[in-house]
Amino acid sequence: DSPAGRRLRRLLAGAAIVGAPLLFRLPVLKRYPLLRALEVAGGAALLVKFAEALRDWEPSAERRIVLDVPGSSG
């Protein structure tokens, strides 16, 4: 977690929060059934919620990645 990472997440989330409702208003995108279904299902609200979660997310430095590799028999 670095200041640059926090700043990037904050900027991306802010752009998504502002841009999501505008994106779903574009007439060009209403031609596609999937995007129309997303609009009906509240796609802009879901995208805003995701962006808020991204903005508020603080990764912990103590996360360990463990790869479980099967041993070779030989």
C-alpha atoms as a PDB file:
ATOM      1  CA  ASP A   1       0.000   0.000   0.000  1.00  0.00           C
ATOM      2  CA  SER A   2       1.686   3.150  -1.201  1.00  0.00           C
ATOM      3  CA  PRO A   3       0.549   6.760  -1.493  1.00  0.00           C
ATOM      4  CA  ALA A   4       0.664   6.421  -5.282  1.00  0.00           C
ATOM      5  CA  GLY A   5      -1.573   3.335  -5.126  1.00  0.00           C
ATOM      6  CA  ARG A   6      -4.074   5.089  -2.876  1.00  0.00           C
ATOM      7  CA  ARG A   7      -4.109   8.085  -5.201  1.00  0.00           C
ATOM      8  CA  LEU A   8      -4.625   5.900  -8.279  1.00  0.00           C
ATOM      9  CA  ARG A   9      -7.501   4.005  -6.625  1.00  0.00           C
ATOM     10  CA  ARG A  10      -9.092   7.281  -5.533  1.00  0.00           C
ATOM     11  CA  LEU A  11      -8.841   8.763  -9.047  1.00  0.00           C
ATOM     12  CA  LEU A  12     -10.170   5.639 -10.789  1.00  0.00           C
ATOM     13  CA  ALA A  13     -13.032   5.351  -8.327  1.00  0.00           C
ATOM     14  CA  GLY A  14     -13.918   9.027  -8.694  1.00  0.00           C
ATOM     15  CA  ALA A  15     -13.994   8.732 -12.475  1.00  0.00           C
ATOM     16  CA  ALA A  16     -16.186   5.625 -12.274  1.00  0.00           C
ATOM     17  CA  ILE A  17     -18.555   7.216  -9.748  1.00  0.00           C
ATOM     18  CA  VAL A  18     -19.043  10.259 -11.971  1.00  0.00           C
ATOM     19  CA  GLY A  19     -18.917   8.434 -15.295  1.00  0.00           C
ATOM     20  CA  ALA A  20     -21.118   5.396 -14.636  1.00  0.00           C
ATOM     21  CA  PRO A  21     -24.478   7.182 -14.711  1.00  0.00           C
ATOM     22  CA  LEU A  22     -23.389   9.138 -17.784  1.00  0.00           C
ATOM     23  CA  LEU A  23     -22.200   5.987 -19.548  1.00  0.00           C
ATOM     24  CA  PHE A  24     -25.563   4.267 -19.179  1.00  0.00           C
ATOM     25  CA  ARG A  25     -27.311   7.299 -20.724  1.00  0.00           C
ATOM     26  CA  LEU A  26     -25.506   7.042 -24.074  1.00  0.00           C
ATOM     27  CA  PRO A  27     -28.005   6.200 -26.849  1.00  0.00           C
ATOM     28  CA  VAL A  28     -25.370   4.171 -28.717  1.00  0.00           C
ATOM     29  CA  LEU A  29     -25.156   1.644 -25.881  1.00  0.00           C
ATOM     30  CA  LYS A  30     -28.923   1.138 -25.730  1.00  0.00           C
ATOM     31  CA  ARG A  31     -28.718  -0.865 -28.962  1.00  0.00           C
ATOM     32  CA  TYR A  32     -27.182  -3.808 -27.148  1.00  0.00           C
ATOM     33  CA  PRO A  33     -29.603  -6.033 -25.188  1.00  0.00           C
ATOM     34  CA  LEU A  34     -27.047  -6.898 -22.503  1.00  0.00           C
ATOM     35  CA  LEU A  35     -26.361  -3.244 -21.724  1.00  0.00           C
ATOM     36  CA  ARG A  36     -30.102  -2.486 -21.698  1.00  0.00           C
ATOM     37  CA  ALA A  37     -30.588  -5.321 -19.211  1.00  0.00           C
ATOM     38  CA  LEU A  38     -27.764  -3.931 -17.075  1.00  0.00           C
ATOM     39  CA  GLU A  39     -29.420  -0.526 -17.116  1.00  0.00           C
ATOM     40  CA  VAL A  40     -32.729  -2.022 -16.007  1.00  0.00           C
ATOM     41  CA  ALA A  41     -30.964  -3.991 -13.274  1.00  0.00           C
ATOM     42  CA  GLY A  42     -29.332  -0.838 -11.944  1.00  0.00           C
ATOM     43  CA  GLY A  43     -25.954  -1.294 -13.580  1.00  0.00           C
ATOM     44  CA  ALA A  44     -24.911   2.280 -12.882  1.00  0.00           C
ATOM     45  CA  ALA A  45     -25.673   1.867  -9.179  1.00  0.00           C
ATOM     46  CA  LEU A  46     -23.732  -1.397  -9.070  1.00  0.00           C
ATOM     47  CA  LEU A  47     -20.782   0.202 -10.825  1.00  0.00           C
ATOM     48  CA  VAL A  48     -20.848   3.121  -8.386  1.00  0.00           C
ATOM     49  CA  LYS A  49     -20.907   0.686  -5.433  1.00  0.00           C
ATOM     50  CA  PHE A  50     -17.910  -1.154  -6.891  1.00  0.00           C
ATOM     51  CA  ALA A  51     -16.052   2.133  -7.382  1.00  0.00           C
ATOM     52  CA  GLU A  52     -16.779   3.163  -3.786  1.00  0.00           C
ATOM     53  CA  ALA A  53     -15.433  -0.172  -2.557  1.00  0.00           C
ATOM     54  CA  LEU A  54     -12.312   0.314  -4.694  1.00  0.00           C
ATOM     55  CA  ARG A  55     -11.841   3.815  -3.317  1.00  0.00           C
ATOM     56  CA  ASP A  56     -12.152   2.679   0.309  1.00  0.00           C
ATOM     57  CA  TRP A  57     -10.120  -0.524  -0.067  1.00  0.00           C
ATOM     58  CA  GLU A  58      -6.922  -0.690   1.975  1.00  0.00           C
ATOM     59  CA  PRO A  59      -4.771  -3.701   1.140  1.00  0.00           C
ATOM     60  CA  SER A  60      -2.937  -5.120   4.105  1.00  0.00           C
ATOM     61  CA  ALA A  61       0.797  -5.599   3.799  1.00  0.00           C
ATOM     62  CA  GLU A  62       0.637  -8.810   5.829  1.00  0.00           C
ATOM     63  CA  ARG A  63      -1.117 -10.918   3.193  1.00  0.00           C
ATOM     64  CA  ARG A  64       0.929 -13.936   2.245  1.00  0.00           C
ATOM     65  CA  ILE A  65       0.594 -15.811  -0.998  1.00  0.00           C
ATOM     66  CA  VAL A  66       0.929 -19.555  -0.609  1.00  0.00           C
ATOM     67  CA  LEU A  67       1.306 -21.818  -3.623  1.00  0.00           C
ATOM     68  CA  ASP A  68       0.478 -25.436  -2.947  1.00  0.00           C
ATOM     69  CA  VAL A  69       2.563 -27.571  -5.299  1.00  0.00           C
ATOM     70  CA  PRO A  70       2.220 -31.351  -5.257  1.00  0.00           C
ATOM     71  CA  GLY A  71       5.453 -33.169  -4.545  1.00  0.00           C
ATOM     72  CA  SER A  72       7.095 -35.402  -7.101  1.00  0.00           C
ATOM     73  CA  SER A  73       7.300 -39.106  -6.379  1.00  0.00           C
ATOM     74  CA  GLY A  74      10.536 -40.539  -7.481  1.00  0.00           C
END
